[in-house]
Amino acid sequence: MNYLDELKKLGQLKNDGKLTEEEFQEKKEEILSQSSKTKENKTESGNKKKKGFISRILEDKLDDRLETVTKLFSTDQDVLKEWRKYKRQYKNKKITLTVLRKKAKELKNEGYALTKASIESDMASMSLKRELKRQGFEGKLLTRKETWDLEKIQIEKWDKENKERES
């Protein structure tokens, strides 16, 4: 019996006085909800096309690779968030440079390429800023000549340190 026949029968029972208005509404909602579920199932099954063997395999492989990449990338992002937290703590003078270096080493050893590159870049940038500050260039834009002078000073410093180690 389809839902239209059931609704007609239900209406007849109400008209005969065998069902109250509340009972009628409950049964009507029940019948309509069952009807909509069967319609959804028919449309869902009607829209699906059968997939071939190769298509299913390729789809499974793609899903597996996508899941792997997502897992790796999200983990890498979590490690980068942790690195940014340590950088903020260093900037706000809550941790020392030594502690920051230790944390950087720990995070780099976790093996995530994006994290490793980001940490190395940040450490180089911080090192350059410290050196510029130490030599009195803090907050200035350097001209090409000043940059060459700074490089010359740095090279002379390294040469001097190497000569001291050799002796």
Protein backbone atom coordinates (compact mmCIF):
# COMPACT_ATOMS: atom_id res chain seq x y z
CA MET A 1 0.00 0.00 0.00
CA ASN A 2 1.48 3.39 -0.95
CA TYR A 3 1.39 6.46 1.24
CA LEU A 4 -1.49 8.10 -0.66
CA ASP A 5 -3.76 5.13 0.04
CA GLU A 6 -2.70 5.19 3.69
CA LEU A 7 -3.50 8.90 3.96
CA LYS A 8 -6.94 8.37 2.36
CA LYS A 9 -7.68 5.55 4.79
CA LEU A 10 -6.47 7.71 7.69
CA GLY A 11 -8.74 10.59 6.57
CA GLN A 12 -11.70 8.23 6.35
CA LEU A 13 -11.05 6.96 9.91
CA LYS A 14 -10.96 10.57 11.14
CA ASN A 15 -14.20 11.42 9.33
CA ASP A 16 -15.88 8.35 10.82
CA GLY A 17 -14.86 9.60 14.27
CA LYS A 18 -12.62 6.63 15.01
CA LEU A 19 -9.52 8.90 15.33
CA THR A 20 -9.09 12.15 17.21
CA GLU A 21 -7.40 15.19 15.55
CA GLU A 22 -4.19 14.53 17.54
CA GLU A 23 -4.06 10.87 16.54
CA PHE A 24 -4.74 11.82 12.94
CA GLN A 25 -1.88 14.39 12.89
CA GLU A 26 0.57 11.91 14.49
CA LYS A 27 -0.23 9.15 11.99
CA LYS A 28 -0.14 11.60 9.09
CA GLU A 29 3.33 12.86 10.06
CA GLU A 30 4.54 9.29 10.48
CA ILE A 31 3.28 8.30 7.02
CA LEU A 32 4.72 11.41 5.37
CA SER A 33 8.10 10.97 7.03
CA GLN A 34 8.27 7.35 5.85
CA SER A 35 7.27 8.48 2.38
CA SER A 36 10.03 11.12 2.19
CA LYS A 37 12.64 8.60 3.34
CA THR A 38 11.73 6.17 0.59
CA LYS A 39 11.82 8.99 -1.99
CA GLU A 40 15.32 10.00 -0.82
CA ASN A 41 16.54 6.42 -1.07
CA LYS A 42 15.15 6.08 -4.59
CA THR A 43 16.78 9.33 -5.79
CA GLU A 44 20.10 8.49 -4.17
CA SER A 45 20.25 5.06 -5.71
CA GLY A 46 19.00 6.39 -9.05
CA ASN A 47 21.82 8.97 -9.35
CA LYS A 48 24.68 6.60 -8.66
CA LYS A 49 26.52 5.18 -11.61
CA LYS A 50 28.37 1.94 -11.38
CA LYS A 51 32.11 2.42 -11.32
CA GLY A 52 34.56 0.20 -13.04
CA PHE A 53 37.32 -1.72 -11.31
CA ILE A 54 40.11 0.66 -12.34
CA SER A 55 38.04 3.71 -11.46
CA ARG A 56 37.46 2.39 -7.92
CA ILE A 57 41.16 1.59 -7.46
CA LEU A 58 42.24 5.03 -8.68
CA GLU A 59 39.69 6.71 -6.44
CA ASP A 60 40.89 4.71 -3.42
CA LYS A 61 44.54 5.56 -4.15
CA LEU A 62 43.71 9.23 -4.55
CA ASP A 63 41.80 9.23 -1.27
CA ASP A 64 44.72 7.51 0.52
CA ARG A 65 47.25 9.99 -0.85
CA LEU A 66 45.05 12.95 -0.03
CA GLU A 67 44.63 11.67 3.51
CA THR A 68 48.41 11.19 3.89
CA VAL A 69 49.21 14.68 2.59
CA THR A 70 46.55 16.23 4.80
CA LYS A 71 47.90 14.40 7.83
CA LEU A 72 51.49 15.46 7.11
CA PHE A 73 50.59 19.05 6.34
CA SER A 74 48.38 19.46 9.40
CA THR A 75 51.13 18.03 11.62
CA ASP A 76 53.68 20.37 10.00
CA GLN A 77 51.32 23.29 10.65
CA ASP A 78 51.02 22.28 14.32
CA VAL A 79 54.81 22.26 14.67
CA LEU A 80 55.01 25.68 12.95
CA LYS A 81 52.45 27.05 15.42
CA GLU A 82 54.61 25.79 18.25
CA TRP A 83 57.67 27.47 16.69
CA ARG A 84 55.81 30.78 16.38
CA LYS A 85 54.86 30.50 20.05
CA TYR A 86 58.55 30.13 21.03
CA LYS A 87 59.50 33.08 18.79
CA ARG A 88 56.90 35.26 20.54
CA GLN A 89 58.21 34.18 23.93
CA TYR A 90 61.74 35.10 22.87
CA LYS A 91 60.59 38.45 21.48
CA ASN A 92 58.77 39.20 24.74
CA LYS A 93 61.91 38.17 26.66
CA LYS A 94 60.20 35.23 28.38
CA ILE A 95 62.83 32.78 27.15
CA THR A 96 66.52 33.23 26.35
CA LEU A 97 68.22 32.82 23.01
CA THR A 98 69.79 29.58 24.25
CA VAL A 99 66.40 28.12 25.07
CA LEU A 100 65.05 29.27 21.69
CA ARG A 101 67.96 27.56 19.93
CA LYS A 102 67.31 24.32 21.84
CA LYS A 103 63.63 24.42 20.92
CA ALA A 104 64.52 25.15 17.29
CA LYS A 105 66.84 22.14 17.23
CA GLU A 106 64.15 19.89 18.74
CA LEU A 107 61.54 21.03 16.24
CA LYS A 108 63.90 20.74 13.26
CA ASN A 109 64.74 17.18 14.28
CA GLU A 110 61.08 16.19 13.91
CA GLY A 111 61.80 16.06 10.18
CA TYR A 112 59.20 18.37 8.65
CA ALA A 113 60.67 20.20 5.65
CA LEU A 114 58.42 23.26 5.87
CA THR A 115 59.15 23.66 9.58
CA LYS A 116 62.89 23.18 9.12
CA ALA A 117 63.09 25.80 6.36
CA SER A 118 60.99 28.27 8.36
CA ILE A 119 63.09 27.84 11.50
CA GLU A 120 66.38 28.22 9.62
CA SER A 121 65.10 31.36 7.90
CA ASP A 122 63.88 32.87 11.17
CA MET A 123 67.11 32.07 13.00
CA ALA A 124 69.20 33.63 10.21
CA SER A 125 67.03 36.73 10.26
CA MET A 126 67.31 37.05 14.05
CA SER A 127 71.07 36.56 13.86
CA LEU A 128 71.38 39.31 11.25
CA LYS A 129 69.26 41.69 13.32
CA ARG A 130 71.38 41.04 16.43
CA GLU A 131 74.57 41.65 14.46
CA LEU A 132 73.22 44.87 12.94
CA LYS A 133 72.17 46.07 16.37
CA ARG A 134 75.56 45.20 17.84
CA GLN A 135 77.36 47.18 15.14
CA GLY A 136 75.11 50.21 15.43
CA PHE A 137 73.02 49.73 12.30
CA GLU A 138 69.75 48.95 14.09
CA GLY A 139 66.66 50.44 12.46
CA LYS A 140 68.54 51.80 9.45
CA LEU A 141 68.16 50.87 5.84
CA LEU A 142 71.60 50.03 4.57
CA THR A 143 73.03 51.43 1.38
CA ARG A 144 74.99 49.12 -0.88
CA LYS A 145 78.26 50.59 0.44
CA GLU A 146 77.19 50.05 4.08
CA THR A 147 76.24 46.48 3.25
CA TRP A 148 79.65 45.88 1.68
CA ASP A 149 81.34 47.51 4.67
CA LEU A 150 79.36 45.30 7.03
CA GLU A 151 80.29 42.20 5.01
CA LYS A 152 83.93 43.28 5.00
CA ILE A 153 83.85 43.73 8.79
CA GLN A 154 82.22 40.32 9.22
CA ILE A 155 84.78 38.63 6.96
CA GLU A 156 87.65 40.30 8.83
CA LYS A 157 86.12 39.15 12.12
CA TRP A 158 85.85 35.55 10.87
CA ASP A 159 89.41 35.65 9.54
CA LYS A 160 90.65 36.92 12.89
CA GLU A 161 88.75 34.19 14.76
CA ASN A 162 90.11 31.50 12.42
CA LYS A 163 93.69 32.74 12.89
CA GLU A 164 93.24 32.67 16.67
CA ARG A 165 91.96 29.07 16.52
CA GLU A 166 94.90 28.01 14.37
CA SER A 167 97.47 29.44 16.78
